[in-house]
Amino acid sequence: MAKDIKLNTNHDILFENNDIVLLTEDEEIAQSIEIRLLFIKNEWTLDFLMGTQWFDVLFSTQFSDEFKKQYLKDIIIQTDGVIGIDNMSFVVDSATKKANITFTAKTIYGEAAGTASI
């Protein structure tokens, strides 16, 4: 994989000492997972099929928690460089429409961990 630029908690480019910060291989995969999870389906006009179905699936009461967890695991495992999932939790507050996903994934480089909140 090519080197990628590290994003801060606001998803802006991270600078340290006026330099752009680059990611390690595991950090790059973790950040890729986080971006995929936070990308809302229908958000990008060039490809409406891309993205996570936050409103139709994850915040819906029509699907079981197990279905939602499997849906998220499928997104994680389909990320380039991921070969397995060690741990994943998904907590949603339907009243406030806020959710938190934490994960640890096995990668081609070792292990990647991260959090995605929406």
N, C-alpha and C. Protein backbone atom coordinates (compact mmCIF):
# COMPACT_ATOMS: atom_id res chain seq x y z
N MET A 1 0.84 -1.18 0.00
CA MET A 1 0.00 0.00 0.00
C MET A 1 0.89 1.25 0.00
N ALA A 2 0.39 2.28 -0.60
CA ALA A 2 1.11 3.55 -0.63
C ALA A 2 0.98 4.23 0.73
N LYS A 3 1.91 5.09 1.04
CA LYS A 3 1.84 5.85 2.29
C LYS A 3 0.65 6.80 2.23
N ASP A 4 -0.04 6.94 3.35
CA ASP A 4 -1.20 7.81 3.40
C ASP A 4 -0.97 8.88 4.47
N ILE A 5 -1.75 9.93 4.37
CA ILE A 5 -1.66 11.07 5.28
C ILE A 5 -2.57 10.81 6.48
N LYS A 6 -2.07 11.09 7.67
CA LYS A 6 -2.83 10.87 8.90
C LYS A 6 -3.84 12.00 9.08
N LEU A 7 -5.05 11.60 9.49
CA LEU A 7 -6.11 12.56 9.77
C LEU A 7 -6.30 12.67 11.28
N ASN A 8 -6.68 13.87 11.73
CA ASN A 8 -6.92 14.05 13.16
C ASN A 8 -8.35 13.62 13.51
N THR A 9 -8.77 13.86 14.73
CA THR A 9 -10.09 13.42 15.18
C THR A 9 -11.23 14.15 14.47
N ASN A 10 -10.94 15.28 13.85
CA ASN A 10 -11.95 16.01 13.06
C ASN A 10 -11.88 15.62 11.59
N HIS A 11 -11.01 14.66 11.25
CA HIS A 11 -10.83 14.15 9.89
C HIS A 11 -10.17 15.18 8.97
N ASP A 12 -9.37 16.05 9.57
CA ASP A 12 -8.55 17.00 8.82
C ASP A 12 -7.11 16.47 8.79
N ILE A 13 -6.32 16.95 7.85
CA ILE A 13 -4.92 16.53 7.76
C ILE A 13 -4.19 16.92 9.03
N LEU A 14 -3.43 15.99 9.58
CA LEU A 14 -2.69 16.22 10.81
C LEU A 14 -1.31 16.77 10.49
N PHE A 15 -0.96 17.86 11.15
CA PHE A 15 0.36 18.47 11.03
C PHE A 15 1.06 18.43 12.37
N GLU A 16 2.35 18.13 12.37
CA GLU A 16 3.20 18.22 13.56
C GLU A 16 4.47 18.94 13.15
N ASN A 17 4.80 20.02 13.84
CA ASN A 17 5.97 20.84 13.51
C ASN A 17 5.94 21.29 12.05
N ASN A 18 4.76 21.70 11.60
CA ASN A 18 4.55 22.19 10.24
C ASN A 18 4.79 21.13 9.16
N ASP A 19 4.80 19.87 9.52
CA ASP A 19 4.96 18.78 8.56
C ASP A 19 3.72 17.90 8.57
N ILE A 20 3.37 17.37 7.41
CA ILE A 20 2.28 16.41 7.31
C ILE A 20 2.75 15.10 7.95
N VAL A 21 1.88 14.50 8.74
CA VAL A 21 2.20 13.24 9.41
C VAL A 21 1.74 12.08 8.53
N LEU A 22 2.63 11.13 8.30
CA LEU A 22 2.29 9.94 7.53
C LEU A 22 1.96 8.79 8.47
N LEU A 23 1.19 7.86 7.99
CA LEU A 23 0.75 6.72 8.78
C LEU A 23 1.70 5.53 8.65
N THR A 24 1.77 4.74 9.71
CA THR A 24 2.42 3.44 9.59
C THR A 24 1.45 2.52 8.83
N GLU A 25 1.91 1.36 8.46
CA GLU A 25 1.06 0.44 7.69
C GLU A 25 -0.21 0.05 8.43
N ASP A 26 -0.09 -0.31 9.72
CA ASP A 26 -1.28 -0.68 10.49
C ASP A 26 -2.20 0.51 10.71
N GLU A 27 -1.63 1.68 10.97
CA GLU A 27 -2.44 2.89 11.13
C GLU A 27 -3.20 3.21 9.85
N GLU A 28 -2.55 2.98 8.72
CA GLU A 28 -3.19 3.25 7.43
C GLU A 28 -4.42 2.37 7.23
N ILE A 29 -4.30 1.10 7.58
CA ILE A 29 -5.44 0.21 7.44
C ILE A 29 -6.54 0.58 8.43
N ALA A 30 -6.18 0.90 9.67
CA ALA A 30 -7.17 1.31 10.66
C ALA A 30 -7.91 2.57 10.19
N GLN A 31 -7.18 3.53 9.66
CA GLN A 31 -7.80 4.76 9.17
C GLN A 31 -8.70 4.47 7.96
N SER A 32 -8.30 3.55 7.10
CA SER A 32 -9.12 3.17 5.96
C SER A 32 -10.45 2.55 6.42
N ILE A 33 -10.38 1.72 7.45
CA ILE A 33 -11.59 1.13 8.01
C ILE A 33 -12.49 2.22 8.57
N GLU A 34 -11.92 3.13 9.34
CA GLU A 34 -12.70 4.21 9.93
C GLU A 34 -13.38 5.05 8.85
N ILE A 35 -12.67 5.37 7.79
CA ILE A 35 -13.24 6.16 6.70
C ILE A 35 -14.38 5.40 6.04
N ARG A 36 -14.18 4.11 5.79
CA ARG A 36 -15.25 3.31 5.17
C ARG A 36 -16.48 3.26 6.05
N LEU A 37 -16.29 3.12 7.37
CA LEU A 37 -17.42 3.05 8.28
C LEU A 37 -18.17 4.38 8.35
N LEU A 38 -17.44 5.49 8.28
CA LEU A 38 -18.07 6.81 8.42
C LEU A 38 -18.64 7.35 7.12
N PHE A 39 -18.31 6.74 6.01
CA PHE A 39 -18.79 7.18 4.70
C PHE A 39 -20.27 6.77 4.58
N ILE A 40 -21.16 7.74 4.52
CA ILE A 40 -22.59 7.48 4.49
C ILE A 40 -23.04 7.14 3.07
N LYS A 41 -23.79 6.08 2.95
CA LYS A 41 -24.30 5.66 1.63
C LYS A 41 -25.09 6.80 0.99
N ASN A 42 -24.90 6.97 -0.31
CA ASN A 42 -25.53 8.03 -1.12
C ASN A 42 -24.89 9.40 -0.91
N GLU A 43 -23.80 9.46 -0.16
CA GLU A 43 -23.14 10.73 0.12
C GLU A 43 -22.34 11.23 -1.08
N TRP A 44 -21.79 10.33 -1.87
CA TRP A 44 -20.92 10.71 -2.98
C TRP A 44 -21.70 10.62 -4.28
N THR A 45 -21.84 11.72 -4.98
CA THR A 45 -22.68 11.76 -6.18
C THR A 45 -22.12 10.93 -7.33
N LEU A 46 -20.85 10.59 -7.30
CA LEU A 46 -20.27 9.81 -8.38
C LEU A 46 -20.50 8.30 -8.23
N ASP A 47 -20.87 7.86 -7.04
CA ASP A 47 -21.17 6.45 -6.82
C ASP A 47 -22.09 6.31 -5.61
N PHE A 48 -23.39 6.28 -5.88
CA PHE A 48 -24.37 6.20 -4.80
C PHE A 48 -24.37 4.85 -4.08
N LEU A 49 -23.70 3.85 -4.63
CA LEU A 49 -23.66 2.54 -4.01
C LEU A 49 -22.61 2.45 -2.91
N MET A 50 -21.64 3.37 -2.91
CA MET A 50 -20.59 3.35 -1.89
C MET A 50 -21.13 3.88 -0.57
N GLY A 51 -20.58 3.38 0.50
CA GLY A 51 -20.90 3.93 1.81
C GLY A 51 -21.63 2.94 2.71
N THR A 52 -21.73 3.34 3.96
CA THR A 52 -22.38 2.56 5.00
C THR A 52 -23.83 3.02 5.15
N GLN A 53 -24.72 2.08 5.27
CA GLN A 53 -26.15 2.40 5.37
C GLN A 53 -26.53 2.73 6.81
N TRP A 54 -26.11 3.88 7.26
CA TRP A 54 -26.37 4.28 8.64
C TRP A 54 -27.85 4.42 8.92
N PHE A 55 -28.56 5.11 8.06
CA PHE A 55 -29.96 5.42 8.35
C PHE A 55 -30.90 4.28 7.98
N ASP A 56 -30.60 3.56 6.91
CA ASP A 56 -31.47 2.48 6.46
C ASP A 56 -31.27 1.19 7.25
N VAL A 57 -30.09 0.98 7.80
CA VAL A 57 -29.79 -0.28 8.50
C VAL A 57 -29.40 -0.05 9.96
N LEU A 58 -28.34 0.68 10.20
CA LEU A 58 -27.76 0.74 11.55
C LEU A 58 -28.61 1.48 12.57
N PHE A 59 -29.34 2.51 12.14
CA PHE A 59 -30.22 3.22 13.07
C PHE A 59 -31.66 2.71 12.99
N SER A 60 -31.91 1.75 12.15
CA SER A 60 -33.25 1.20 11.97
C SER A 60 -33.58 0.21 13.08
N THR A 61 -34.84 0.13 13.42
CA THR A 61 -35.30 -0.87 14.38
C THR A 61 -35.76 -2.14 13.67
N GLN A 62 -35.70 -2.17 12.34
CA GLN A 62 -36.15 -3.32 11.57
C GLN A 62 -35.13 -4.47 11.56
N PHE A 63 -33.88 -4.18 11.95
CA PHE A 63 -32.83 -5.19 11.89
C PHE A 63 -32.32 -5.51 13.29
N SER A 64 -31.96 -6.77 13.49
CA SER A 64 -31.45 -7.21 14.80
C SER A 64 -30.04 -6.67 15.02
N ASP A 65 -29.62 -6.64 16.27
CA ASP A 65 -28.26 -6.21 16.60
C ASP A 65 -27.23 -7.14 15.95
N GLU A 66 -27.52 -8.42 15.90
CA GLU A 66 -26.60 -9.38 15.27
C GLU A 66 -26.44 -9.09 13.78
N PHE A 67 -27.54 -8.77 13.11
CA PHE A 67 -27.46 -8.43 11.69
C PHE A 67 -26.60 -7.19 11.49
N LYS A 68 -26.80 -6.17 12.33
CA LYS A 68 -26.05 -4.92 12.23
C LYS A 68 -24.56 -5.16 12.46
N LYS A 69 -24.23 -5.99 13.46
CA LYS A 69 -22.82 -6.30 13.73
C LYS A 69 -22.19 -7.04 12.56
N GLN A 70 -22.92 -7.97 11.97
CA GLN A 70 -22.38 -8.70 10.82
C GLN A 70 -22.21 -7.77 9.62
N TYR A 71 -23.14 -6.85 9.44
CA TYR A 71 -23.05 -5.86 8.36
C TYR A 71 -21.75 -5.04 8.51
N LEU A 72 -21.46 -4.60 9.73
CA LEU A 72 -20.24 -3.83 9.99
C LEU A 72 -18.99 -4.69 9.82
N LYS A 73 -19.04 -5.93 10.29
CA LYS A 73 -17.89 -6.83 10.11
C LYS A 73 -17.59 -7.05 8.64
N ASP A 74 -18.63 -7.15 7.82
CA ASP A 74 -18.44 -7.32 6.39
C ASP A 74 -17.71 -6.11 5.78
N ILE A 75 -18.06 -4.93 6.24
CA ILE A 75 -17.38 -3.72 5.75
C ILE A 75 -15.91 -3.75 6.15
N ILE A 76 -15.64 -4.11 7.40
CA ILE A 76 -14.26 -4.15 7.90
C ILE A 76 -13.45 -5.19 7.13
N ILE A 77 -13.98 -6.40 6.98
CA ILE A 77 -13.21 -7.48 6.36
C ILE A 77 -12.96 -7.22 4.88
N GLN A 78 -13.79 -6.41 4.24
CA GLN A 78 -13.62 -6.09 2.82
C GLN A 78 -12.64 -4.95 2.58
N THR A 79 -12.09 -4.40 3.65
CA THR A 79 -11.10 -3.32 3.53
C THR A 79 -9.77 -3.91 3.10
N ASP A 80 -9.11 -3.27 2.13
CA ASP A 80 -7.80 -3.73 1.66
C ASP A 80 -6.84 -3.90 2.83
N GLY A 81 -6.18 -5.05 2.88
CA GLY A 81 -5.17 -5.32 3.90
C GLY A 81 -5.70 -6.04 5.12
N VAL A 82 -7.01 -6.15 5.28
CA VAL A 82 -7.60 -6.83 6.44
C VAL A 82 -7.76 -8.31 6.11
N ILE A 83 -7.30 -9.16 7.04
CA ILE A 83 -7.43 -10.60 6.84
C ILE A 83 -8.30 -11.27 7.91
N GLY A 84 -8.72 -10.51 8.91
CA GLY A 84 -9.58 -11.06 9.95
C GLY A 84 -9.98 -9.99 10.95
N ILE A 85 -10.94 -10.33 11.79
CA ILE A 85 -11.40 -9.41 12.83
C ILE A 85 -11.23 -10.10 14.18
N ASP A 86 -10.45 -9.46 15.06
CA ASP A 86 -10.26 -10.00 16.40
C ASP A 86 -11.40 -9.60 17.33
N ASN A 87 -11.86 -8.34 17.18
CA ASN A 87 -12.83 -7.81 18.12
C ASN A 87 -13.57 -6.66 17.44
N MET A 88 -14.88 -6.58 17.69
CA MET A 88 -15.64 -5.45 17.21
C MET A 88 -16.85 -5.25 18.10
N SER A 89 -17.09 -4.00 18.49
CA SER A 89 -18.30 -3.70 19.25
C SER A 89 -19.03 -2.56 18.56
N PHE A 90 -20.33 -2.58 18.69
CA PHE A 90 -21.19 -1.58 18.07
C PHE A 90 -22.26 -1.20 19.06
N VAL A 91 -22.29 0.08 19.42
CA VAL A 91 -23.29 0.59 20.35
C VAL A 91 -24.01 1.75 19.68
N VAL A 92 -25.33 1.69 19.66
CA VAL A 92 -26.11 2.76 19.05
C VAL A 92 -27.17 3.24 20.03
N ASP A 93 -27.35 4.54 20.05
CA ASP A 93 -28.41 5.17 20.82
C ASP A 93 -29.44 5.67 19.82
N SER A 94 -30.50 4.92 19.63
CA SER A 94 -31.50 5.25 18.62
C SER A 94 -32.18 6.58 18.90
N ALA A 95 -32.30 6.96 20.15
CA ALA A 95 -32.96 8.22 20.49
C ALA A 95 -32.15 9.43 20.02
N THR A 96 -30.82 9.36 20.20
CA THR A 96 -29.98 10.50 19.80
C THR A 96 -29.37 10.33 18.43
N LYS A 97 -29.55 9.13 17.82
CA LYS A 97 -28.96 8.81 16.51
C LYS A 97 -27.44 8.93 16.54
N LYS A 98 -26.84 8.47 17.63
CA LYS A 98 -25.39 8.43 17.75
C LYS A 98 -24.95 6.98 17.90
N ALA A 99 -23.78 6.70 17.31
CA ALA A 99 -23.27 5.33 17.36
C ALA A 99 -21.76 5.34 17.53
N ASN A 100 -21.25 4.26 18.11
CA ASN A 100 -19.82 4.10 18.31
C ASN A 100 -19.42 2.67 17.93
N ILE A 101 -18.39 2.58 17.10
CA ILE A 101 -17.87 1.28 16.68
C ILE A 101 -16.40 1.23 17.08
N THR A 102 -16.01 0.19 17.76
CA THR A 102 -14.60 -0.04 18.04
C THR A 102 -14.23 -1.38 17.44
N PHE A 103 -12.99 -1.48 16.96
CA PHE A 103 -12.58 -2.70 16.28
C PHE A 103 -11.10 -2.95 16.46
N THR A 104 -10.74 -4.22 16.37
CA THR A 104 -9.36 -4.66 16.25
C THR A 104 -9.36 -5.70 15.13
N ALA A 105 -8.55 -5.43 14.11
CA ALA A 105 -8.53 -6.31 12.94
C ALA A 105 -7.13 -6.86 12.71
N LYS A 106 -7.08 -8.10 12.24
CA LYS A 106 -5.81 -8.68 11.80
C LYS A 106 -5.55 -8.15 10.40
N THR A 107 -4.31 -7.73 10.16
CA THR A 107 -3.97 -7.18 8.85
C THR A 107 -2.78 -7.92 8.27
N ILE A 108 -2.46 -7.60 7.04
CA ILE A 108 -1.30 -8.21 6.42
C ILE A 108 -0.01 -7.75 7.07
N TYR A 109 -0.09 -6.70 7.90
CA TYR A 109 1.08 -6.16 8.60
C TYR A 109 1.11 -6.51 10.08
N GLY A 110 -0.01 -6.93 10.64
CA GLY A 110 -0.07 -7.20 12.07
C GLY A 110 -1.48 -6.97 12.58
N GLU A 111 -1.66 -5.88 13.31
CA GLU A 111 -2.95 -5.60 13.93
C GLU A 111 -3.28 -4.13 13.80
N ALA A 112 -4.56 -3.83 13.54
CA ALA A 112 -5.02 -2.44 13.42
C ALA A 112 -6.24 -2.28 14.32
N ALA A 113 -6.24 -1.22 15.10
CA ALA A 113 -7.36 -0.94 16.00
C ALA A 113 -7.84 0.48 15.78
N GLY A 114 -9.13 0.68 15.98
CA GLY A 114 -9.66 2.03 15.80
C GLY A 114 -11.07 2.17 16.32
N THR A 115 -11.57 3.39 16.18
CA THR A 115 -12.91 3.74 16.61
C THR A 115 -13.55 4.63 15.56
N ALA A 116 -14.81 4.41 15.30
CA ALA A 116 -15.56 5.27 14.39
C ALA A 116 -16.84 5.67 15.12
N SER A 117 -17.09 6.97 15.22
CA SER A 117 -18.27 7.47 15.89
C SER A 117 -19.04 8.38 14.96
N ILE A 118 -20.34 8.21 14.97
CA ILE A 118 -21.18 9.07 14.13
C ILE A 118 -22.42 9.46 14.91
